[in-house]
PDB file of N, CA and C in Angstrom:
ATOM      1  N   UNK A   1     -20.663 -57.832   5.325  1.00  0.00           N
ATOM      2  CA  UNK A   1     -21.485 -57.113   4.360  1.00  0.00           C
ATOM      3  C   UNK A   1     -22.054 -58.080   3.336  1.00  0.00           C
ATOM      4  N   UNK A   2     -23.286 -57.864   3.003  1.00  0.00           N
ATOM      5  CA  UNK A   2     -24.004 -58.757   2.095  1.00  0.00           C
ATOM      6  C   UNK A   2     -24.176 -58.077   0.740  1.00  0.00           C
ATOM      7  N   UNK A   3     -23.777 -58.772  -0.303  1.00  0.00           N
ATOM      8  CA  UNK A   3     -23.906 -58.207  -1.657  1.00  0.00           C
ATOM      9  C   UNK A   3     -25.380 -58.129  -2.053  1.00  0.00           C
ATOM     10  N   UNK A   4     -25.710 -57.081  -2.792  1.00  0.00           N
ATOM     11  CA  UNK A   4     -27.066 -56.949  -3.319  1.00  0.00           C
ATOM     12  C   UNK A   4     -26.995 -56.281  -4.686  1.00  0.00           C
ATOM     13  N   UNK A   5     -28.105 -56.263  -5.403  1.00  0.00           N
ATOM     14  CA  UNK A   5     -28.160 -55.734  -6.767  1.00  0.00           C
ATOM     15  C   UNK A   5     -28.801 -54.361  -6.837  1.00  0.00           C
ATOM     16  N   UNK A   6     -28.962 -53.707  -5.707  1.00  0.00           N
ATOM     17  CA  UNK A   6     -29.707 -52.451  -5.691  1.00  0.00           C
ATOM     18  C   UNK A   6     -29.103 -51.406  -6.627  1.00  0.00           C
ATOM     19  N   UNK A   7     -27.809 -51.192  -6.562  1.00  0.00           N
ATOM     20  CA  UNK A   7     -27.181 -50.161  -7.395  1.00  0.00           C
ATOM     21  C   UNK A   7     -27.357 -50.472  -8.881  1.00  0.00           C
ATOM     22  N   UNK A   8     -27.115 -51.719  -9.250  1.00  0.00           N
ATOM     23  CA  UNK A   8     -27.239 -52.120 -10.652  1.00  0.00           C
ATOM     24  C   UNK A   8     -28.668 -51.914 -11.167  1.00  0.00           C
ATOM     25  N   UNK A   9     -29.638 -52.315 -10.384  1.00  0.00           N
ATOM     26  CA  UNK A   9     -31.042 -52.181 -10.791  1.00  0.00           C
ATOM     27  C   UNK A   9     -31.454 -50.715 -10.828  1.00  0.00           C
ATOM     28  N   UNK A  10     -31.051 -49.949  -9.807  1.00  0.00           N
ATOM     29  CA  UNK A  10     -31.379 -48.522  -9.764  1.00  0.00           C
ATOM     30  C   UNK A  10     -30.811 -47.810 -10.982  1.00  0.00           C
ATOM     31  N   UNK A  11     -29.547 -48.084 -11.312  1.00  0.00           N
ATOM     32  CA  UNK A  11     -28.922 -47.443 -12.466  1.00  0.00           C
ATOM     33  C   UNK A  11     -29.553 -47.895 -13.784  1.00  0.00           C
ATOM     34  N   UNK A  12     -29.989 -49.152 -13.854  1.00  0.00           N
ATOM     35  CA  UNK A  12     -30.629 -49.633 -15.085  1.00  0.00           C
ATOM     36  C   UNK A  12     -31.965 -48.919 -15.319  1.00  0.00           C
ATOM     37  N   UNK A  13     -32.578 -48.431 -14.246  1.00  0.00           N
ATOM     38  CA  UNK A  13     -33.826 -47.671 -14.349  1.00  0.00           C
ATOM     39  C   UNK A  13     -33.548 -46.174 -14.502  1.00  0.00           C
ATOM     40  N   UNK A  14     -32.276 -45.799 -14.648  1.00  0.00           N
ATOM     41  CA  UNK A  14     -31.844 -44.402 -14.796  1.00  0.00           C
ATOM     42  C   UNK A  14     -32.371 -43.541 -13.647  1.00  0.00           C
ATOM     43  N   UNK A  15     -32.252 -44.076 -12.441  1.00  0.00           N
ATOM     44  CA  UNK A  15     -32.756 -43.404 -11.255  1.00  0.00           C
ATOM     45  C   UNK A  15     -31.577 -43.047 -10.342  1.00  0.00           C
ATOM     46  N   UNK A  16     -31.574 -41.829  -9.830  1.00  0.00           N
ATOM     47  CA  UNK A  16     -30.513 -41.421  -8.905  1.00  0.00           C
ATOM     48  C   UNK A  16     -30.830 -41.942  -7.502  1.00  0.00           C
ATOM     49  N   UNK A  17     -29.815 -41.923  -6.650  1.00  0.00           N
ATOM     50  CA  UNK A  17     -30.035 -42.314  -5.253  1.00  0.00           C
ATOM     51  C   UNK A  17     -31.087 -41.413  -4.614  1.00  0.00           C
ATOM     52  N   UNK A  18     -31.009 -40.132  -4.910  1.00  0.00           N
ATOM     53  CA  UNK A  18     -31.949 -39.173  -4.329  1.00  0.00           C
ATOM     54  C   UNK A  18     -33.375 -39.440  -4.782  1.00  0.00           C
ATOM     55  N   UNK A  19     -33.543 -39.737  -6.079  1.00  0.00           N
ATOM     56  CA  UNK A  19     -34.888 -40.051  -6.593  1.00  0.00           C
ATOM     57  C   UNK A  19     -35.462 -41.276  -5.895  1.00  0.00           C
ATOM     58  N   UNK A  20     -34.648 -42.328  -5.799  1.00  0.00           N
ATOM     59  CA  UNK A  20     -35.114 -43.550  -5.156  1.00  0.00           C
ATOM     60  C   UNK A  20     -35.433 -43.282  -3.694  1.00  0.00           C
ATOM     61  N   UNK A  21     -34.589 -42.532  -3.031  1.00  0.00           N
ATOM     62  CA  UNK A  21     -34.815 -42.223  -1.620  1.00  0.00           C
ATOM     63  C   UNK A  21     -36.142 -41.490  -1.423  1.00  0.00           C
ATOM     64  N   UNK A  22     -36.435 -40.522  -2.296  1.00  0.00           N
ATOM     65  CA  UNK A  22     -37.703 -39.783  -2.186  1.00  0.00           C
ATOM     66  C   UNK A  22     -38.893 -40.702  -2.417  1.00  0.00           C
ATOM     67  N   UNK A  23     -38.807 -41.544  -3.457  1.00  0.00           N
ATOM     68  CA  UNK A  23     -39.920 -42.457  -3.754  1.00  0.00           C
ATOM     69  C   UNK A  23     -40.146 -43.469  -2.634  1.00  0.00           C
ATOM     70  N   UNK A  24     -39.045 -43.902  -2.012  1.00  0.00           N
ATOM     71  CA  UNK A  24     -39.139 -44.918  -0.958  1.00  0.00           C
ATOM     72  C   UNK A  24     -39.330 -44.309   0.425  1.00  0.00           C
ATOM     73  N   UNK A  25     -39.258 -42.984   0.499  1.00  0.00           N
ATOM     74  CA  UNK A  25     -39.402 -42.281   1.777  1.00  0.00           C
ATOM     75  C   UNK A  25     -38.332 -42.704   2.783  1.00  0.00           C
ATOM     76  N   UNK A  26     -37.086 -42.789   2.301  1.00  0.00           N
ATOM     77  CA  UNK A  26     -35.921 -43.044   3.148  1.00  0.00           C
ATOM     78  C   UNK A  26     -34.860 -42.008   2.773  1.00  0.00           C
ATOM     79  N   UNK A  27     -33.779 -41.952   3.516  1.00  0.00           N
ATOM     80  CA  UNK A  27     -32.746 -40.957   3.214  1.00  0.00           C
ATOM     81  C   UNK A  27     -31.794 -41.469   2.123  1.00  0.00           C
ATOM     82  N   UNK A  28     -31.186 -40.558   1.356  1.00  0.00           N
ATOM     83  CA  UNK A  28     -30.184 -40.976   0.361  1.00  0.00           C
ATOM     84  C   UNK A  28     -29.005 -41.698   1.014  1.00  0.00           C
ATOM     85  N   UNK A  29     -28.700 -41.338   2.253  1.00  0.00           N
ATOM     86  CA  UNK A  29     -27.615 -42.023   2.968  1.00  0.00           C
ATOM     87  C   UNK A  29     -27.969 -43.487   3.185  1.00  0.00           C
ATOM     88  N   UNK A  30     -29.238 -43.758   3.465  1.00  0.00           N
ATOM     89  CA  UNK A  30     -29.693 -45.142   3.638  1.00  0.00           C
ATOM     90  C   UNK A  30     -29.494 -45.926   2.347  1.00  0.00           C
ATOM     91  N   UNK A  31     -29.850 -45.325   1.217  1.00  0.00           N
ATOM     92  CA  UNK A  31     -29.665 -45.992  -0.076  1.00  0.00           C
ATOM     93  C   UNK A  31     -28.179 -46.289  -0.293  1.00  0.00           C
ATOM     94  N   UNK A  32     -27.323 -45.311  -0.029  1.00  0.00           N
ATOM     95  CA  UNK A  32     -25.882 -45.493  -0.212  1.00  0.00           C
ATOM     96  C   UNK A  32     -25.354 -46.618   0.676  1.00  0.00           C
ATOM     97  N   UNK A  33     -25.801 -46.669   1.908  1.00  0.00           N
ATOM     98  CA  UNK A  33     -25.349 -47.724   2.835  1.00  0.00           C
ATOM     99  C   UNK A  33     -25.783 -49.108   2.351  1.00  0.00           C
ATOM    100  N   UNK A  34     -27.010 -49.216   1.869  1.00  0.00           N
ATOM    101  CA  UNK A  34     -27.509 -50.505   1.382  1.00  0.00           C
ATOM    102  C   UNK A  34     -26.722 -50.931   0.142  1.00  0.00           C
ATOM    103  N   UNK A  35     -26.444 -49.978  -0.750  1.00  0.00           N
ATOM    104  CA  UNK A  35     -25.683 -50.304  -1.960  1.00  0.00           C
ATOM    105  C   UNK A  35     -24.260 -50.767  -1.628  1.00  0.00           C
ATOM    106  N   UNK A  36     -23.728 -50.342  -0.497  1.00  0.00           N
ATOM    107  CA  UNK A  36     -22.402 -50.791  -0.058  1.00  0.00           C
ATOM    108  C   UNK A  36     -22.460 -52.169   0.588  1.00  0.00           C
ATOM    109  N   UNK A  37     -23.677 -52.684   0.799  1.00  0.00           N
ATOM    110  CA  UNK A  37     -23.823 -54.020   1.347  1.00  0.00           C
ATOM    111  C   UNK A  37     -24.138 -54.068   2.826  1.00  0.00           C
ATOM    112  N   UNK A  38     -24.377 -52.906   3.435  1.00  0.00           N
ATOM    113  CA  UNK A  38     -24.730 -52.901   4.848  1.00  0.00           C
ATOM    114  C   UNK A  38     -26.182 -53.353   5.025  1.00  0.00           C
ATOM    115  N   UNK A  39     -26.502 -53.934   6.162  1.00  0.00           N
ATOM    116  CA  UNK A  39     -27.868 -54.447   6.365  1.00  0.00           C
ATOM    117  C   UNK A  39     -28.880 -53.323   6.542  1.00  0.00           C
ATOM    118  N   UNK A  40     -30.135 -53.651   6.285  1.00  0.00           N
ATOM    119  CA  UNK A  40     -31.220 -52.709   6.539  1.00  0.00           C
ATOM    120  C   UNK A  40     -32.432 -53.474   7.037  1.00  0.00           C
ATOM    121  N   UNK A  41     -33.366 -52.732   7.594  1.00  0.00           N
ATOM    122  CA  UNK A  41     -34.571 -53.359   8.139  1.00  0.00           C
ATOM    123  C   UNK A  41     -35.458 -53.876   7.007  1.00  0.00           C
ATOM    124  N   UNK A  42     -36.293 -54.837   7.348  1.00  0.00           N
ATOM    125  CA  UNK A  42     -37.213 -55.405   6.371  1.00  0.00           C
ATOM    126  C   UNK A  42     -38.187 -54.351   5.851  1.00  0.00           C
ATOM    127  N   UNK A  43     -38.596 -53.437   6.721  1.00  0.00           N
ATOM    128  CA  UNK A  43     -39.508 -52.358   6.314  1.00  0.00           C
ATOM    129  C   UNK A  43     -38.851 -51.479   5.245  1.00  0.00           C
ATOM    130  N   UNK A  44     -37.562 -51.214   5.401  1.00  0.00           N
ATOM    131  CA  UNK A  44     -36.829 -50.416   4.421  1.00  0.00           C
ATOM    132  C   UNK A  44     -36.736 -51.166   3.096  1.00  0.00           C
ATOM    133  N   UNK A  45     -36.485 -52.458   3.156  1.00  0.00           N
ATOM    134  CA  UNK A  45     -36.451 -53.269   1.939  1.00  0.00           C
ATOM    135  C   UNK A  45     -37.796 -53.205   1.226  1.00  0.00           C
ATOM    136  N   UNK A  46     -38.870 -53.291   1.985  1.00  0.00           N
ATOM    137  CA  UNK A  46     -40.219 -53.240   1.408  1.00  0.00           C
ATOM    138  C   UNK A  46     -40.441 -51.909   0.696  1.00  0.00           C
ATOM    139  N   UNK A  47     -40.074 -50.805   1.320  1.00  0.00           N
ATOM    140  CA  UNK A  47     -40.242 -49.485   0.716  1.00  0.00           C
ATOM    141  C   UNK A  47     -39.456 -49.374  -0.588  1.00  0.00           C
ATOM    142  N   UNK A  48     -38.231 -49.888  -0.587  1.00  0.00           N
ATOM    143  CA  UNK A  48     -37.380 -49.801  -1.777  1.00  0.00           C
ATOM    144  C   UNK A  48     -37.949 -50.656  -2.899  1.00  0.00           C
ATOM    145  N   UNK A  49     -38.381 -51.869  -2.584  1.00  0.00           N
ATOM    146  CA  UNK A  49     -38.974 -52.741  -3.601  1.00  0.00           C
ATOM    147  C   UNK A  49     -40.167 -52.062  -4.267  1.00  0.00           C
ATOM    148  N   UNK A  50     -41.053 -51.506  -3.475  1.00  0.00           N
ATOM    149  CA  UNK A  50     -42.243 -50.862  -4.018  1.00  0.00           C
ATOM    150  C   UNK A  50     -41.878 -49.617  -4.826  1.00  0.00           C
ATOM    151  N   UNK A  51     -40.890 -48.855  -4.365  1.00  0.00           N
ATOM    152  CA  UNK A  51     -40.465 -47.648  -5.077  1.00  0.00           C
ATOM    153  C   UNK A  51     -39.864 -47.985  -6.438  1.00  0.00           C
ATOM    154  N   UNK A  52     -39.230 -49.144  -6.549  1.00  0.00           N
ATOM    155  CA  UNK A  52     -38.637 -49.577  -7.821  1.00  0.00           C
ATOM    156  C   UNK A  52     -39.665 -50.245  -8.736  1.00  0.00           C
ATOM    157  N   UNK A  53     -40.863 -50.485  -8.222  1.00  0.00           N
ATOM    158  CA  UNK A  53     -41.904 -51.116  -9.031  1.00  0.00           C
ATOM    159  C   UNK A  53     -41.871 -52.630  -9.001  1.00  0.00           C
ATOM    160  N   UNK A  54     -41.197 -53.198  -8.021  1.00  0.00           N
ATOM    161  CA  UNK A  54     -41.135 -54.650  -7.882  1.00  0.00           C
ATOM    162  C   UNK A  54     -42.231 -55.125  -6.940  1.00  0.00           C
ATOM    163  N   UNK A  55     -42.614 -56.392  -7.089  1.00  0.00           N
ATOM    164  CA  UNK A  55     -43.515 -57.024  -6.126  1.00  0.00           C
ATOM    165  C   UNK A  55     -42.686 -57.448  -4.926  1.00  0.00           C
ATOM    166  N   UNK A  56     -43.327 -57.552  -3.778  1.00  0.00           N
ATOM    167  CA  UNK A  56     -42.611 -57.983  -2.581  1.00  0.00           C
ATOM    168  C   UNK A  56     -42.023 -59.381  -2.744  1.00  0.00           C
ATOM    169  N   UNK A  57     -42.652 -60.194  -3.572  1.00  0.00           N
ATOM    170  CA  UNK A  57     -42.160 -61.556  -3.801  1.00  0.00           C
ATOM    171  C   UNK A  57     -40.857 -61.585  -4.602  1.00  0.00           C
ATOM    172  N   UNK A  58     -40.473 -60.442  -5.181  1.00  0.00           N
ATOM    173  CA  UNK A  58     -39.253 -60.365  -5.974  1.00  0.00           C
ATOM    174  C   UNK A  58     -38.059 -59.851  -5.159  1.00  0.00           C
ATOM    175  N   UNK A  59     -38.177 -59.924  -3.855  1.00  0.00           N
ATOM    176  CA  UNK A  59     -37.139 -59.431  -2.935  1.00  0.00           C
ATOM    177  C   UNK A  59     -35.753 -59.993  -3.250  1.00  0.00           C
ATOM    178  N   UNK A  60     -35.687 -61.268  -3.598  1.00  0.00           N
ATOM    179  CA  UNK A  60     -34.381 -61.900  -3.826  1.00  0.00           C
ATOM    180  C   UNK A  60     -33.667 -61.335  -5.053  1.00  0.00           C
ATOM    181  N   UNK A  61     -34.402 -60.743  -5.995  1.00  0.00           N
ATOM    182  CA  UNK A  61     -33.768 -60.140  -7.181  1.00  0.00           C
ATOM    183  C   UNK A  61     -32.876 -58.970  -6.791  1.00  0.00           C
ATOM    184  N   UNK A  62     -33.221 -58.275  -5.727  1.00  0.00           N
ATOM    185  CA  UNK A  62     -32.449 -57.106  -5.298  1.00  0.00           C
ATOM    186  C   UNK A  62     -31.587 -57.415  -4.086  1.00  0.00           C
ATOM    187  N   UNK A  63     -32.179 -58.024  -3.078  1.00  0.00           N
ATOM    188  CA  UNK A  63     -31.492 -58.198  -1.801  1.00  0.00           C
ATOM    189  C   UNK A  63     -30.903 -59.587  -1.584  1.00  0.00           C
ATOM    190  N   UNK A  64     -30.978 -60.448  -2.562  1.00  0.00           N
ATOM    191  CA  UNK A  64     -30.439 -61.809  -2.381  1.00  0.00           C
ATOM    192  C   UNK A  64     -31.365 -62.634  -1.509  1.00  0.00           C
ATOM    193  N   UNK A  65     -30.791 -63.643  -0.857  1.00  0.00           N
ATOM    194  CA  UNK A  65     -31.614 -64.550  -0.046  1.00  0.00           C
ATOM    195  C   UNK A  65     -31.969 -63.989   1.251  1.00  0.00           C
TER     196      UNK A  65
END
């Protein structure tokens, strides 16, 4: 499992898993799995970055290297 900052960043934006899931057009279960450190597809990462208001170039801030 790979550590990421998704939960910390999501909570700092006062956003629930469900809200983020709706904005990113993914399931809340997917958000929960990613926050636990499970891998996800690059397309899913892209959707989450955009839903949080990040640029694609800021991927490492949330998902690490």
